[in-house]
Amino acid sequence: MWLQVIEALKDIPLCHLPRYIGITQEKSVVYSLVDLIFSKTRLVPQNMTIPRLELMGVLIGVRALKFVTSELHLQSKKPLSAFVTNRLKEIKSLKEVTFKHVSSEDNPADLATRGKSPRELTSSIWWMGPTWLKKP
């Protein structure tokens, strides 16, 4: 399996982007209405629950949007843990964000979890996002 990963990495020079925006250590996925602008992925800690992973996904998305915007110019009655409270505070700090469900087949961020090779990413929704994103 490792040899297959190494072999797939040889395809990276074949993946060309028509622009340069910048390099960052963070990876989530933010699109303009046309092209990929920024992406971020993370390895999942083994002890983190699905609800916390989803919370982190939203937080990473909000951070990515804040980053891209600056570079280009859930309530419950029970008390929340400090972990959840602090992340919700940061997520809610960006008022102009709306959240909607994206099905897995239309979610480019899901591709990062499926072990896609660079060649497979070249012909996927990774670069341009789902087709409905381009509709006015």
Protein backbone atom coordinates (compact mmCIF):
# COMPACT_ATOMS: atom_id res chain seq x y z
CA MET A 1 0.00 0.00 0.00
CA TRP A 2 2.85 2.39 0.87
CA LEU A 3 4.48 1.80 -2.53
CA GLN A 4 1.16 2.69 -4.20
CA VAL A 5 1.05 5.99 -2.26
CA ILE A 6 4.63 6.80 -3.29
CA GLU A 7 3.83 5.93 -6.91
CA ALA A 8 0.71 8.16 -6.83
CA LEU A 9 2.77 11.09 -5.50
CA LYS A 10 4.74 11.05 -8.76
CA ASP A 11 1.58 12.41 -10.44
CA ILE A 12 1.67 15.65 -8.46
CA PRO A 13 3.66 17.52 -11.16
CA LEU A 14 0.83 16.66 -13.60
CA CYS A 15 -1.68 18.62 -11.49
CA HIS A 16 -1.59 22.23 -12.67
CA LEU A 17 -3.47 25.19 -11.22
CA PRO A 18 -3.83 28.32 -13.35
CA ARG A 19 -3.11 30.70 -10.46
CA TYR A 20 -1.22 31.16 -7.21
CA ILE A 21 -2.88 32.48 -4.06
CA GLY A 22 -0.53 31.40 -1.28
CA ILE A 23 0.66 28.57 0.94
CA THR A 24 -0.56 27.80 4.43
CA GLN A 25 -0.15 25.02 6.96
CA GLU A 26 -3.93 24.94 7.56
CA LYS A 27 -6.29 22.99 5.29
CA SER A 28 -10.10 23.15 5.01
CA VAL A 29 -12.05 23.85 1.87
CA VAL A 30 -13.22 27.29 0.68
CA TYR A 31 -14.32 27.93 -2.91
CA SER A 32 -15.01 31.03 -4.93
CA LEU A 33 -17.92 30.63 -7.29
CA VAL A 34 -15.49 29.29 -9.88
CA ASP A 35 -12.30 27.72 -8.54
CA LEU A 36 -10.65 26.18 -5.51
CA ILE A 37 -9.16 28.93 -3.36
CA PHE A 38 -8.01 27.24 -0.19
CA SER A 39 -8.07 23.79 1.36
CA LYS A 40 -7.27 22.25 4.71
CA THR A 41 -7.23 18.70 5.98
CA ARG A 42 -6.37 17.23 9.35
CA LEU A 43 -5.64 13.79 10.69
CA VAL A 44 -8.40 12.61 13.02
CA PRO A 45 -7.39 11.87 16.61
CA GLN A 46 -8.50 8.34 17.48
CA ASN A 47 -10.29 9.38 20.67
CA MET A 48 -12.47 12.18 19.23
CA THR A 49 -16.22 11.58 18.88
CA ILE A 50 -18.17 12.18 15.64
CA PRO A 51 -20.03 15.23 17.09
CA ARG A 52 -16.69 16.81 18.10
CA LEU A 53 -15.20 16.01 14.69
CA GLU A 54 -18.18 17.71 13.02
CA LEU A 55 -17.76 20.69 15.35
CA MET A 56 -14.08 20.89 14.42
CA GLY A 57 -15.03 20.67 10.73
CA VAL A 58 -17.29 23.70 11.06
CA LEU A 59 -14.65 25.57 13.04
CA ILE A 60 -11.98 24.83 10.44
CA GLY A 61 -14.38 26.01 7.73
CA VAL A 62 -15.05 29.29 9.54
CA ARG A 63 -11.33 29.80 10.13
CA ALA A 64 -10.67 29.10 6.45
CA LEU A 65 -13.34 31.59 5.40
CA LYS A 66 -11.90 34.23 7.76
CA PHE A 67 -8.43 33.61 6.35
CA VAL A 68 -9.54 33.79 2.71
CA THR A 69 -11.68 36.88 3.38
CA SER A 70 -8.80 38.69 5.10
CA GLU A 71 -6.32 37.72 2.37
CA LEU A 72 -8.71 38.78 -0.42
CA HIS A 73 -10.32 41.31 1.65
CA LEU A 74 -26.45 25.09 18.09
CA GLN A 75 -27.86 25.87 21.18
CA SER A 76 -28.66 23.47 24.04
CA LYS A 77 -30.24 23.86 27.49
CA LYS A 78 -27.56 21.79 29.20
CA PRO A 79 -24.22 23.44 29.98
CA LEU A 80 -21.60 22.90 27.31
CA SER A 81 -18.01 21.92 28.01
CA ALA A 82 -15.28 24.56 27.71
CA PHE A 83 -14.07 22.77 24.55
CA VAL A 84 -17.46 23.14 22.83
CA THR A 85 -18.17 26.63 24.22
CA ASN A 86 -14.88 28.07 22.98
CA ARG A 87 -15.29 26.64 19.49
CA LEU A 88 -18.90 27.78 19.18
CA LYS A 89 -17.86 31.28 20.25
CA GLU A 90 -15.31 31.44 17.44
CA ILE A 91 -17.73 29.94 14.89
CA LYS A 92 -20.46 32.44 15.82
CA SER A 93 -18.03 35.38 15.60
CA LEU A 94 -18.40 35.41 11.81
CA LYS A 95 -21.98 36.63 11.44
CA GLU A 96 -22.25 36.49 7.63
CA VAL A 97 -21.84 32.69 7.47
CA THR A 98 -24.79 30.39 6.79
CA PHE A 99 -24.55 26.63 7.18
CA LYS A 100 -26.23 24.13 4.90
CA HIS A 101 -25.89 20.38 4.47
CA VAL A 102 -23.80 19.15 1.55
CA SER A 103 -24.27 15.52 0.54
CA SER A 104 -21.16 13.36 0.55
CA GLU A 105 -21.07 12.99 -3.24
CA ASP A 106 -21.06 16.81 -3.60
CA ASN A 107 -18.63 17.46 -0.74
CA PRO A 108 -15.05 18.00 -1.95
CA ALA A 109 -13.81 17.90 1.65
CA ASP A 110 -14.86 14.24 1.81
CA LEU A 111 -12.38 13.42 -0.96
CA ALA A 112 -9.51 14.14 1.42
CA THR A 113 -10.70 11.27 3.62
CA ARG A 114 -10.93 8.73 0.79
CA GLY A 115 -7.27 8.30 -0.12
CA LYS A 116 -7.56 9.82 -3.59
CA SER A 117 -4.38 9.98 -5.67
CA PRO A 118 -3.31 13.29 -7.28
CA ARG A 119 -4.44 11.97 -10.67
CA GLU A 120 -7.91 11.11 -9.28
CA LEU A 121 -8.20 14.60 -7.75
CA THR A 122 -7.44 16.21 -11.12
CA SER A 123 -10.70 14.88 -12.59
CA SER A 124 -12.87 15.41 -9.53
CA ILE A 125 -14.96 18.07 -7.78
CA TRP A 126 -11.88 18.90 -5.64
CA TRP A 127 -10.72 21.75 -7.92
CA MET A 128 -14.00 23.41 -8.90
CA GLY A 129 -16.51 22.26 -6.29
CA PRO A 130 -19.95 20.82 -7.03
CA THR A 131 -21.77 22.03 -10.12
CA TRP A 132 -24.58 23.67 -8.10
CA LEU A 133 -22.01 26.01 -6.51
CA LYS A 134 -21.55 27.74 -9.89
CA LYS A 135 -25.24 28.52 -10.35
CA PRO A 136 -26.11 32.21 -9.74
